[in-house]
Amino acid sequence: MRGFKKISGKIDKEIYKFIGKLTVFLSLYYFFIGLKISSSVIDFLSKTTAIKANFLLNLFNINSHNVNSILYCDNYSIKVAFGCEGSEPIALMISTILASKSNLKMKFAGILTGSLLLSFWNDIRVSLLFIVGKYYNSMFDLMHNDILPFISVIFS
């Protein structure tokens, strides 16, 4: 029984250290979001997300356009705002990787690969929301507030 307590205590310490690091890294993200300079970064991310989502929509013959962070077509439009640009799931993934026990090379590879994949997923998510809003508007809130955010967190 003593050996189990030693192992259990060590695991508990590691979990607490991981949660502490994760909390610090996520806090840094939210601190940055609170700074004035972050608004230009968020604007840039929103605009580029709208550009990429517009490209995906046009790939599937949905005649959409974008101006700044707004996606629109003949009878529908959405604005890519903070939260829709995908920074939070990416911040969660990066924070989790930084808090984990692995070497810097593996962390860098994970952050780079994960950021690219989550960014691409977010572009798909925004495109899907545009399609749902345009063609199945009654489902938009469910998809926007519940289903797609849940999938984003799972991917993170």
Protein backbone atom coordinates (compact mmCIF):
# COMPACT_ATOMS: atom_id res chain seq x y z
CA MET A 1 0.00 0.00 0.00
CA ARG A 2 2.91 2.38 0.69
CA GLY A 3 4.25 1.99 -2.85
CA PHE A 4 0.84 2.94 -4.23
CA LYS A 5 0.75 6.10 -2.09
CA LYS A 6 4.19 7.13 -3.39
CA ILE A 7 3.10 6.68 -6.99
CA SER A 8 -0.26 8.33 -6.35
CA GLY A 9 1.41 11.30 -4.63
CA LYS A 10 3.83 11.74 -7.52
CA ILE A 11 0.99 11.64 -10.06
CA ASP A 12 -0.99 14.17 -8.03
CA LYS A 13 2.04 16.53 -7.97
CA GLU A 14 2.48 16.22 -11.74
CA ILE A 15 -1.20 16.92 -12.35
CA TYR A 16 -1.09 20.00 -10.11
CA LYS A 17 2.05 21.27 -11.87
CA PHE A 18 0.42 20.73 -15.28
CA ILE A 19 -2.80 22.52 -14.23
CA GLY A 20 -0.76 25.37 -12.76
CA LYS A 21 1.28 25.82 -15.94
CA LEU A 22 -1.83 25.54 -18.11
CA THR A 23 -3.53 28.23 -16.03
CA VAL A 24 -0.54 30.56 -16.33
CA PHE A 25 -0.27 30.15 -20.12
CA LEU A 26 -4.00 30.65 -20.68
CA SER A 27 -3.94 33.66 -18.37
CA LEU A 28 -1.18 35.17 -20.52
CA TYR A 29 -3.42 34.76 -23.61
CA TYR A 30 -6.34 36.49 -21.91
CA PHE A 31 -4.04 39.21 -20.56
CA PHE A 32 -2.84 39.85 -24.13
CA ILE A 33 -6.44 39.96 -25.37
CA GLY A 34 -7.09 42.71 -22.83
CA LEU A 35 -4.32 44.92 -24.26
CA LYS A 36 -5.13 47.54 -26.91
CA ILE A 37 -2.53 46.12 -29.30
CA SER A 38 -4.45 42.85 -29.45
CA SER A 39 -7.34 44.49 -31.32
CA SER A 40 -5.17 44.88 -34.42
CA VAL A 41 -4.12 41.21 -34.16
CA ILE A 42 -7.75 40.12 -33.75
CA ASP A 43 -8.79 42.32 -36.70
CA PHE A 44 -6.06 40.73 -38.82
CA LEU A 45 -7.11 37.21 -37.80
CA SER A 46 -10.79 38.00 -38.46
CA LYS A 47 -10.05 39.39 -41.92
CA THR A 48 -7.82 36.48 -42.92
CA THR A 49 -10.40 34.00 -41.62
CA ALA A 50 -13.07 35.68 -43.77
CA ILE A 51 -10.76 35.54 -46.81
CA LYS A 52 -10.01 31.82 -46.31
CA ALA A 53 -13.66 30.93 -45.60
CA ASN A 54 -14.73 32.85 -48.71
CA PHE A 55 -12.20 30.87 -50.74
CA LEU A 56 -13.58 27.57 -49.38
CA LEU A 57 -17.17 28.61 -50.07
CA ASN A 58 -16.33 29.54 -53.65
CA LEU A 59 -14.56 26.19 -54.08
CA PHE A 60 -17.96 24.59 -53.47
CA ASN A 61 -19.77 26.94 -55.88
CA ILE A 62 -21.29 29.13 -53.21
CA ASN A 63 -20.99 32.58 -54.69
CA SER A 64 -19.80 34.54 -51.65
CA HIS A 65 -17.61 37.57 -51.20
CA ASN A 66 -15.77 39.20 -48.35
CA VAL A 67 -15.03 42.75 -47.29
CA ASN A 68 -12.73 43.01 -44.31
CA SER A 69 -14.15 40.48 -41.85
CA ILE A 70 -17.62 40.21 -43.42
CA LEU A 71 -18.68 37.27 -45.58
CA TYR A 72 -21.72 37.95 -47.75
CA CYS A 73 -23.75 36.82 -50.73
CA ASP A 74 -26.91 38.08 -52.37
CA ASN A 75 -29.19 37.58 -49.35
CA TYR A 76 -27.03 36.65 -46.37
CA SER A 77 -23.98 37.89 -44.46
CA ILE A 78 -21.98 37.09 -41.34
CA LYS A 79 -19.20 38.95 -39.56
CA VAL A 80 -16.13 37.10 -38.33
CA ALA A 81 -15.65 38.66 -34.89
CA PHE A 82 -13.49 37.90 -31.85
CA GLY A 83 -14.05 34.28 -30.91
CA CYS A 84 -14.90 33.37 -34.50
CA GLU A 85 -11.35 33.89 -35.71
CA GLY A 86 -10.16 30.76 -33.90
CA SER A 87 -7.62 32.17 -31.47
CA GLU A 88 -9.11 30.60 -28.33
CA PRO A 89 -8.90 26.93 -29.38
CA ILE A 90 -5.38 27.58 -30.68
CA ALA A 91 -4.44 29.28 -27.37
CA LEU A 92 -5.84 26.29 -25.47
CA MET A 93 -3.85 23.85 -27.62
CA ILE A 94 -0.62 25.88 -27.34
CA SER A 95 -1.06 26.27 -23.58
CA THR A 96 -1.63 22.54 -23.19
CA ILE A 97 1.48 21.71 -25.22
CA LEU A 98 3.63 24.24 -23.33
CA ALA A 99 2.40 22.87 -19.98
CA SER A 100 3.14 19.26 -20.96
CA LYS A 101 6.35 17.37 -20.31
CA SER A 102 8.20 17.10 -23.60
CA ASN A 103 11.29 18.57 -25.18
CA LEU A 104 11.27 21.91 -27.00
CA LYS A 105 11.60 20.33 -30.44
CA MET A 106 8.47 18.22 -29.89
CA LYS A 107 6.62 21.21 -28.42
CA PHE A 108 7.51 23.37 -31.41
CA ALA A 109 6.42 20.67 -33.87
CA GLY A 110 3.16 20.17 -31.98
CA ILE A 111 2.43 23.88 -31.81
CA LEU A 112 3.15 24.42 -35.50
CA THR A 113 1.18 21.39 -36.70
CA GLY A 114 -1.67 21.92 -34.27
CA SER A 115 -1.99 25.63 -35.09
CA LEU A 116 -2.18 24.94 -38.81
CA LEU A 117 -4.76 22.17 -38.35
CA LEU A 118 -6.90 24.18 -35.95
CA SER A 119 -6.74 27.22 -38.21
CA PHE A 120 -7.91 25.10 -41.15
CA TRP A 121 -10.67 23.57 -39.02
CA ASN A 122 -11.77 27.08 -38.04
CA ASP A 123 -11.97 28.11 -41.70
CA ILE A 124 -14.17 25.07 -42.35
CA ARG A 125 -16.26 25.93 -39.27
CA VAL A 126 -16.87 29.52 -40.45
CA SER A 127 -17.75 28.24 -43.93
CA LEU A 128 -20.18 25.72 -42.45
CA LEU A 129 -21.78 28.43 -40.33
CA PHE A 130 -22.24 30.57 -43.42
CA ILE A 131 -23.90 27.66 -45.26
CA VAL A 132 -26.10 26.79 -42.28
CA GLY A 133 -27.10 30.42 -41.82
CA LYS A 134 -27.91 30.89 -45.48
CA TYR A 135 -29.75 27.64 -46.15
CA TYR A 136 -30.83 26.31 -42.71
CA ASN A 137 -31.12 29.46 -40.64
CA SER A 138 -33.16 27.85 -37.86
CA MET A 139 -30.13 25.63 -37.08
CA PHE A 140 -27.61 28.48 -36.96
CA ASP A 141 -27.70 29.19 -33.21
CA LEU A 142 -27.41 25.50 -32.32
CA MET A 143 -24.44 25.05 -34.65
CA HIS A 144 -22.79 28.35 -33.66
CA ASN A 145 -23.27 28.12 -29.89
CA ASP A 146 -23.19 24.39 -29.15
CA ILE A 147 -22.16 21.86 -31.79
CA LEU A 148 -19.22 23.50 -33.59
CA PRO A 149 -17.63 25.00 -30.44
CA PHE A 150 -17.79 21.56 -28.81
CA ILE A 151 -16.01 20.04 -31.83
CA SER A 152 -13.41 22.84 -31.72
CA VAL A 153 -12.62 22.13 -28.07
CA ILE A 154 -12.35 18.40 -28.80
CA PHE A 155 -9.91 19.14 -31.64
CA SER A 156 -7.90 21.44 -29.36
